[in-house]
N, C-alpha and C. Protein backbone atom coordinates (compact mmCIF):
# COMPACT_ATOMS: atom_id res chain seq x y z
N MET A 1 74.81 104.76 124.80
CA MET A 1 74.71 105.63 125.08
C MET A 1 74.84 106.02 126.34
N LYS A 2 75.49 105.90 127.48
CA LYS A 2 75.25 105.99 129.07
C LYS A 2 75.10 107.26 129.16
N THR A 3 74.04 107.65 129.93
CA THR A 3 73.34 109.05 130.88
C THR A 3 74.74 109.59 131.09
N GLU A 4 76.08 109.88 131.97
CA GLU A 4 76.99 109.87 132.08
C GLU A 4 77.93 110.98 130.67
N GLU A 5 77.49 110.49 129.73
CA GLU A 5 78.82 110.49 128.82
C GLU A 5 77.65 111.33 128.33
N ILE A 6 76.38 111.35 127.82
CA ILE A 6 75.49 112.40 126.99
C ILE A 6 75.73 113.57 128.29
N ARG A 7 75.58 113.49 129.69
CA ARG A 7 75.67 115.08 130.54
C ARG A 7 76.91 115.59 130.34
N ASP A 8 78.45 114.67 130.15
CA ASP A 8 79.72 115.97 129.62
C ASP A 8 79.72 116.84 128.03
N LEU A 9 78.71 116.22 127.29
CA LEU A 9 78.89 116.75 126.02
C LEU A 9 77.69 118.24 126.18
N SER A 10 78.49 119.05 125.72
CA SER A 10 77.44 121.03 126.00
C SER A 10 75.98 120.68 124.39
N VAL A 11 75.65 121.78 125.01
CA VAL A 11 74.04 121.47 124.22
C VAL A 11 74.40 121.78 122.54
N THR A 12 75.48 122.04 121.88
CA THR A 12 75.39 121.80 120.74
C THR A 12 76.10 120.80 120.71
N GLU A 13 77.03 120.12 120.91
CA GLU A 13 77.37 118.49 120.58
C GLU A 13 76.30 117.38 120.76
N LEU A 14 75.12 118.20 121.95
CA LEU A 14 73.61 117.39 121.96
C LEU A 14 73.10 117.52 120.61
N GLU A 15 73.12 118.35 120.74
CA GLU A 15 71.81 118.58 119.16
C GLU A 15 72.12 118.14 118.34
N THR A 16 73.51 117.93 117.87
CA THR A 16 74.15 117.50 117.45
C THR A 16 74.01 116.12 116.89
N LYS A 17 74.11 115.56 117.65
CA LYS A 17 73.53 114.56 118.51
C LYS A 17 72.62 113.23 118.19
N LEU A 18 71.42 114.57 118.57
CA LEU A 18 70.28 114.46 118.35
C LEU A 18 69.60 114.48 116.37
N GLU A 19 70.28 115.04 115.86
CA GLU A 19 69.78 115.06 114.31
C GLU A 19 70.85 113.88 113.89
N GLU A 20 71.86 113.30 114.68
CA GLU A 20 72.48 112.21 114.00
C GLU A 20 71.98 110.72 114.46
N LEU A 21 71.04 110.70 115.80
CA LEU A 21 70.30 110.01 115.68
C LEU A 21 68.99 109.47 115.17
N ARG A 22 67.76 110.75 114.97
CA ARG A 22 66.73 110.53 114.27
C ARG A 22 67.26 110.47 113.18
N ILE A 23 67.95 111.21 111.88
CA ILE A 23 68.55 110.42 111.00
C ILE A 23 68.33 108.39 111.00
N GLU A 24 69.25 108.29 112.05
CA GLU A 24 69.49 106.19 112.00
C GLU A 24 67.82 105.69 112.33
N LEU A 25 67.02 106.42 113.13
CA LEU A 25 65.61 106.39 113.32
C LEU A 25 64.79 105.89 111.95
N PHE A 26 65.40 107.09 111.00
CA PHE A 26 64.85 107.44 109.70
C PHE A 26 64.42 105.98 109.12
N ASN A 27 66.40 105.91 109.58
CA ASN A 27 67.24 105.00 108.46
C ASN A 27 66.12 103.24 108.90
N LEU A 28 66.48 103.35 110.16
CA LEU A 28 65.90 102.36 110.79
C LEU A 28 64.76 101.40 110.32
N ARG A 29 63.65 102.59 110.57
CA ARG A 29 62.21 102.14 109.83
C ARG A 29 62.28 102.40 108.30
N PHE A 30 62.33 102.20 107.77
CA PHE A 30 63.10 101.76 106.50
C PHE A 30 63.38 100.72 106.06
N GLN A 31 64.11 100.59 106.91
CA GLN A 31 64.70 99.11 107.04
C GLN A 31 63.24 97.94 107.20
N LYS A 32 63.12 98.43 107.84
CA LYS A 32 62.08 97.00 109.45
C LYS A 32 60.68 97.62 108.14
N ALA A 33 60.64 98.61 107.28
CA ALA A 33 59.19 98.93 106.38
C ALA A 33 59.20 97.35 105.07
N LYS A 34 60.88 97.15 104.71
CA LYS A 34 61.59 96.70 103.68
C LYS A 34 61.70 95.50 104.51
N ASN A 35 61.56 95.05 105.82
CA ASN A 35 61.73 93.13 106.20
C ASN A 35 63.72 93.49 105.64
N LEU A 36 64.38 94.12 106.23
CA LEU A 36 66.16 94.24 106.45
C LEU A 36 66.93 94.83 107.24
N LEU A 37 65.92 94.83 108.45
CA LEU A 37 66.21 95.21 109.55
C LEU A 37 66.74 93.43 110.49
N ASP A 38 68.41 93.67 110.57
CA ASP A 38 69.14 93.02 111.03
C ASP A 38 68.03 92.71 112.44
N ARG A 39 68.60 93.99 112.98
CA ARG A 39 68.39 93.73 114.42
C ARG A 39 67.20 95.22 115.52
N PRO A 40 66.79 94.20 115.14
CA PRO A 40 64.62 95.18 115.65
C PRO A 40 65.43 96.15 116.76
N ASP A 41 66.22 95.26 117.59
CA ASP A 41 66.16 96.05 118.93
C ASP A 41 66.94 97.09 119.10
N ARG A 42 67.22 98.01 117.69
CA ARG A 42 68.24 98.96 117.67
C ARG A 42 67.09 100.41 117.76
N ILE A 43 65.99 99.94 117.22
CA ILE A 43 64.75 101.04 116.74
C ILE A 43 65.24 101.74 118.86
N ARG A 44 64.29 100.24 118.90
CA ARG A 44 64.34 101.00 120.65
C ARG A 44 65.23 101.29 120.96
N ILE A 45 66.58 102.01 121.30
CA ILE A 45 67.67 101.89 121.54
C ILE A 45 67.99 102.94 121.06
N VAL A 46 67.72 103.07 119.84
CA VAL A 46 67.35 105.33 119.72
C VAL A 46 66.67 105.43 119.68
N ARG A 47 65.27 104.87 120.33
CA ARG A 47 64.25 106.33 120.67
C ARG A 47 64.67 106.73 122.53
N ARG A 48 65.59 105.25 122.73
CA ARG A 48 64.98 105.72 123.78
C ARG A 48 66.48 106.93 124.39
N ASP A 49 67.56 106.35 123.30
CA ASP A 49 68.89 107.53 123.32
C ASP A 49 68.11 109.16 122.83
N ILE A 50 67.52 108.64 122.26
CA ILE A 50 66.64 110.13 121.79
C ILE A 50 65.67 111.15 122.68
N ALA A 51 65.46 110.11 123.57
CA ALA A 51 64.82 110.43 124.79
C ALA A 51 65.64 111.43 125.55
N ARG A 52 66.70 110.22 125.89
CA ARG A 52 67.91 110.48 127.02
C ARG A 52 68.31 112.10 126.77
N ILE A 53 68.90 112.83 125.58
CA ILE A 53 69.36 113.91 125.15
C ILE A 53 68.63 114.44 125.23
N ILE A 54 66.72 114.65 124.47
CA ILE A 54 65.78 115.81 125.07
C ILE A 54 65.99 115.99 126.54
N THR A 55 65.89 115.30 127.29
CA THR A 55 65.76 115.80 128.57
C THR A 55 66.91 116.49 129.23
N ILE A 56 67.72 115.59 128.95
CA ILE A 56 69.59 117.05 129.27
C ILE A 56 69.50 118.04 128.94
N ILE A 57 68.74 118.11 127.79
CA ILE A 57 69.04 119.34 126.97
C ILE A 57 68.06 120.09 127.69
N LYS A 58 66.72 120.09 127.92
CA LYS A 58 66.25 120.63 128.85
C LYS A 58 66.57 120.80 129.93
N GLU A 59 66.99 120.11 131.00
CA GLU A 59 68.05 120.03 132.39
C GLU A 59 68.85 120.75 131.86
N LYS A 60 69.67 121.45 131.26
CA LYS A 60 70.75 122.47 131.05
C LYS A 60 70.17 123.51 130.18
N GLU A 61 68.99 123.45 130.19
CA GLU A 61 68.02 125.30 129.46
C GLU A 61 67.85 125.63 130.50
N LEU A 62 67.04 125.05 132.11
CA LEU A 62 66.38 124.99 132.90
C LEU A 62 67.18 125.68 134.25
N LYS A 63 68.46 125.06 133.89
CA LYS A 63 69.94 125.52 135.02
C LYS A 63 70.11 126.90 134.79
N ALA A 64 70.04 127.09 133.21
CA ALA A 64 70.61 128.24 132.76
C ALA A 64 70.60 129.53 132.63
């Protein structure tokens, strides 16, 4: 997900997306533990998206 796309979302949408990504990361970790993960780079991508969303939420809170 691009940073510009994330910035266009509202805080409630960002929190929803954050929860979805955390669930996806949880499931990816289980797949990795069972050696069922077909795209190991997906974990890194999801972690970075989570960090982006958290950063943008904090930026929006500071502006308000």
